Amino acid sequence: MMTSGDKFVHKMMHATEKFQKVFGPADQGDMDSPVVHRHDEYEDNSDEQLSHFAEETDSEGHHYAVRKDEQPAEEH
């Protein structure tokens, strides 16, 4: 007897099989080629917003972001 999880997987596999018959197999492209990033307006805005943050690491190795204008003064 199939459980609800098994039924879901079974239905999903049939659906993807139908999609493949209609649209053809998935195109993965050349897996060895480098990823090309095309900078657009959205990515430029995101880069600008992230430029206001610095990455810090605590004594346990956890990483977190701190606004650059809120960083504590360095101890000498």
N, C-alpha and C. Protein backbone atom coordinates (compact mmCIF):
# COMPACT_ATOMS: atom_id res chain seq x y z
N MET A 1 0.84 -1.17 0.00
CA MET A 1 0.00 0.00 0.00
C MET A 1 0.89 1.24 0.00
N MET A 2 0.51 2.22 -0.81
CA MET A 2 1.29 3.46 -0.90
C MET A 2 0.91 4.42 0.21
N THR A 3 1.93 5.06 0.78
CA THR A 3 1.67 6.13 1.74
C THR A 3 1.42 7.41 0.97
N SER A 4 1.02 8.48 1.66
CA SER A 4 0.75 9.74 0.97
C SER A 4 2.02 10.28 0.32
N GLY A 5 3.17 10.07 0.95
CA GLY A 5 4.44 10.50 0.35
C GLY A 5 4.76 9.74 -0.91
N ASP A 6 4.49 8.44 -0.89
CA ASP A 6 4.71 7.61 -2.08
C ASP A 6 3.79 8.03 -3.21
N LYS A 7 2.54 8.35 -2.88
CA LYS A 7 1.58 8.79 -3.90
C LYS A 7 2.04 10.10 -4.53
N PHE A 8 2.54 11.00 -3.71
CA PHE A 8 3.03 12.28 -4.23
C PHE A 8 4.18 12.06 -5.21
N VAL A 9 5.15 11.24 -4.82
CA VAL A 9 6.30 10.98 -5.68
C VAL A 9 5.83 10.32 -6.98
N HIS A 10 4.93 9.37 -6.87
CA HIS A 10 4.41 8.67 -8.04
C HIS A 10 3.74 9.66 -9.00
N LYS A 11 2.88 10.53 -8.48
CA LYS A 11 2.21 11.53 -9.31
C LYS A 11 3.21 12.51 -9.91
N MET A 12 4.20 12.91 -9.11
CA MET A 12 5.20 13.86 -9.58
C MET A 12 6.02 13.26 -10.73
N MET A 13 6.39 12.00 -10.61
CA MET A 13 7.16 11.35 -11.66
C MET A 13 6.35 11.25 -12.95
N HIS A 14 5.07 10.96 -12.84
CA HIS A 14 4.22 10.91 -14.04
C HIS A 14 4.08 12.29 -14.66
N ALA A 15 3.95 13.32 -13.84
CA ALA A 15 3.83 14.68 -14.36
C ALA A 15 5.10 15.09 -15.09
N THR A 16 6.27 14.81 -14.51
CA THR A 16 7.52 15.19 -15.17
C THR A 16 7.73 14.40 -16.45
N GLU A 17 7.27 13.16 -16.48
CA GLU A 17 7.35 12.35 -17.70
C GLU A 17 6.50 12.98 -18.81
N LYS A 18 5.31 13.47 -18.45
CA LYS A 18 4.45 14.13 -19.43
C LYS A 18 5.09 15.43 -19.93
N PHE A 19 5.68 16.21 -19.02
CA PHE A 19 6.37 17.43 -19.42
C PHE A 19 7.50 17.12 -20.39
N GLN A 20 8.25 16.05 -20.14
CA GLN A 20 9.36 15.70 -21.01
C GLN A 20 8.85 15.35 -22.40
N LYS A 21 7.72 14.66 -22.48
CA LYS A 21 7.16 14.30 -23.79
C LYS A 21 6.73 15.56 -24.55
N VAL A 22 6.22 16.55 -23.85
CA VAL A 22 5.76 17.78 -24.50
C VAL A 22 6.93 18.71 -24.82
N PHE A 23 7.81 18.97 -23.85
CA PHE A 23 8.87 19.97 -23.99
C PHE A 23 10.24 19.39 -24.33
N GLY A 24 10.40 18.09 -24.25
CA GLY A 24 11.70 17.48 -24.50
C GLY A 24 12.51 17.38 -23.23
N PRO A 25 13.65 16.69 -23.27
CA PRO A 25 14.46 16.51 -22.06
C PRO A 25 15.06 17.84 -21.59
N ALA A 26 15.40 17.89 -20.33
CA ALA A 26 16.00 19.09 -19.75
C ALA A 26 17.35 19.35 -20.39
N ASP A 27 17.64 20.61 -20.64
CA ASP A 27 18.91 21.01 -21.23
C ASP A 27 19.82 21.52 -20.13
N GLN A 28 20.87 20.79 -19.85
CA GLN A 28 21.78 21.20 -18.79
C GLN A 28 22.94 22.03 -19.29
N GLY A 29 23.13 22.08 -20.59
CA GLY A 29 24.23 22.85 -21.13
C GLY A 29 25.57 22.21 -20.81
N ASP A 30 26.63 22.95 -21.04
CA ASP A 30 27.98 22.47 -20.78
C ASP A 30 28.30 22.67 -19.31
N MET A 31 28.37 21.60 -18.54
CA MET A 31 28.59 21.70 -17.11
C MET A 31 30.01 22.17 -16.76
N ASP A 32 30.95 22.11 -17.72
CA ASP A 32 32.32 22.52 -17.46
C ASP A 32 32.57 23.99 -17.78
N SER A 33 31.62 24.65 -18.43
CA SER A 33 31.82 26.05 -18.79
C SER A 33 31.58 26.93 -17.56
N PRO A 34 32.31 28.05 -17.46
CA PRO A 34 32.13 28.93 -16.30
C PRO A 34 30.77 29.64 -16.36
N VAL A 35 30.28 30.02 -15.21
CA VAL A 35 29.03 30.76 -15.13
C VAL A 35 29.31 32.21 -15.51
N VAL A 36 28.50 32.74 -16.42
CA VAL A 36 28.66 34.12 -16.86
C VAL A 36 27.61 34.96 -16.15
N HIS A 37 28.06 35.94 -15.39
CA HIS A 37 27.15 36.83 -14.69
C HIS A 37 26.96 38.08 -15.54
N ARG A 38 25.72 38.35 -15.86
CA ARG A 38 25.40 39.57 -16.61
C ARG A 38 24.85 40.58 -15.62
N HIS A 39 25.61 41.62 -15.38
CA HIS A 39 25.16 42.64 -14.42
C HIS A 39 24.03 43.45 -15.04
N ASP A 40 22.92 43.47 -14.33
CA ASP A 40 21.79 44.27 -14.76
C ASP A 40 21.48 45.30 -13.66
N GLU A 41 20.44 46.08 -13.85
CA GLU A 41 20.10 47.13 -12.89
C GLU A 41 19.82 46.55 -11.50
N TYR A 42 19.12 45.42 -11.44
CA TYR A 42 18.80 44.80 -10.16
C TYR A 42 20.08 44.38 -9.43
N GLU A 43 20.99 43.77 -10.16
CA GLU A 43 22.24 43.31 -9.53
C GLU A 43 23.11 44.49 -9.10
N ASP A 44 23.12 45.55 -9.91
CA ASP A 44 23.88 46.75 -9.54
C ASP A 44 23.31 47.38 -8.26
N ASN A 45 21.97 47.44 -8.14
CA ASN A 45 21.34 47.98 -6.93
C ASN A 45 21.68 47.13 -5.72
N SER A 46 21.66 45.82 -5.89
CA SER A 46 21.98 44.90 -4.80
C SER A 46 23.43 45.08 -4.35
N ASP A 47 24.36 45.19 -5.32
CA ASP A 47 25.77 45.40 -4.99
C ASP A 47 25.98 46.70 -4.22
N GLU A 48 25.24 47.74 -4.62
CA GLU A 48 25.37 49.03 -3.95
C GLU A 48 24.88 48.94 -2.51
N GLN A 49 23.76 48.24 -2.29
CA GLN A 49 23.23 48.09 -0.94
C GLN A 49 24.18 47.27 -0.06
N LEU A 50 24.75 46.22 -0.62
CA LEU A 50 25.66 45.36 0.15
C LEU A 50 26.99 46.05 0.44
N SER A 51 27.33 47.07 -0.33
CA SER A 51 28.61 47.76 -0.11
C SER A 51 28.62 48.51 1.22
N HIS A 52 27.46 48.69 1.85
CA HIS A 52 27.36 49.38 3.13
C HIS A 52 27.58 48.44 4.32
N PHE A 53 27.86 47.16 4.05
CA PHE A 53 28.04 46.17 5.11
C PHE A 53 29.44 45.58 5.04
N ALA A 54 29.94 45.19 6.20
CA ALA A 54 31.22 44.48 6.30
C ALA A 54 30.95 43.14 6.97
N GLU A 55 31.67 42.13 6.54
CA GLU A 55 31.51 40.80 7.14
C GLU A 55 32.45 40.68 8.33
N GLU A 56 31.90 40.24 9.44
CA GLU A 56 32.68 40.04 10.67
C GLU A 56 32.60 38.56 11.05
N THR A 57 33.54 38.11 11.85
CA THR A 57 33.56 36.73 12.33
C THR A 57 33.78 36.76 13.84
N ASP A 58 32.93 36.03 14.59
CA ASP A 58 33.09 36.02 16.04
C ASP A 58 34.12 34.95 16.44
N SER A 59 34.37 34.83 17.73
CA SER A 59 35.40 33.91 18.23
C SER A 59 35.06 32.45 17.97
N GLU A 60 33.79 32.14 17.70
CA GLU A 60 33.39 30.76 17.42
C GLU A 60 33.34 30.47 15.92
N GLY A 61 33.71 31.45 15.10
CA GLY A 61 33.75 31.26 13.66
C GLY A 61 32.45 31.57 12.93
N HIS A 62 31.47 32.15 13.63
CA HIS A 62 30.21 32.52 12.98
C HIS A 62 30.40 33.83 12.22
N HIS A 63 29.84 33.89 11.02
CA HIS A 63 29.94 35.10 10.20
C HIS A 63 28.66 35.91 10.32
N TYR A 64 28.81 37.22 10.34
CA TYR A 64 27.65 38.10 10.39
C TYR A 64 28.01 39.42 9.72
N ALA A 65 26.98 40.18 9.36
CA ALA A 65 27.20 41.46 8.69
C ALA A 65 26.98 42.60 9.67
N VAL A 66 27.78 43.65 9.50
CA VAL A 66 27.68 44.84 10.33
C VAL A 66 27.70 46.03 9.38
N ARG A 67 26.80 47.00 9.63
CA ARG A 67 26.84 48.23 8.83
C ARG A 67 28.19 48.90 9.03
N LYS A 68 28.79 49.33 7.97
CA LYS A 68 30.11 49.94 8.07
C LYS A 68 30.12 51.18 8.94
N ASP A 69 29.04 51.95 8.96
CA ASP A 69 28.99 53.16 9.79
C ASP A 69 28.71 52.84 11.26
N GLU A 70 28.42 51.58 11.60
CA GLU A 70 28.14 51.18 12.99
C GLU A 70 29.23 50.31 13.59
N GLN A 71 30.34 50.14 12.90
CA GLN A 71 31.40 49.28 13.40
C GLN A 71 32.04 49.91 14.64
N PRO A 72 32.34 49.09 15.63
CA PRO A 72 33.02 49.63 16.82
C PRO A 72 34.45 50.03 16.47
N ALA A 73 34.97 50.95 17.21
CA ALA A 73 36.34 51.40 17.00
C ALA A 73 37.30 50.25 17.31
N GLU A 74 38.35 50.14 16.50
CA GLU A 74 39.31 49.05 16.71
C GLU A 74 40.14 49.33 17.94
N GLU A 75 40.44 48.27 18.68
CA GLU A 75 41.29 48.40 19.88
C GLU A 75 42.74 48.37 19.46
N HIS A 76 43.56 49.19 20.09
CA HIS A 76 44.99 49.23 19.75
C HIS A 76 45.80 48.56 20.79
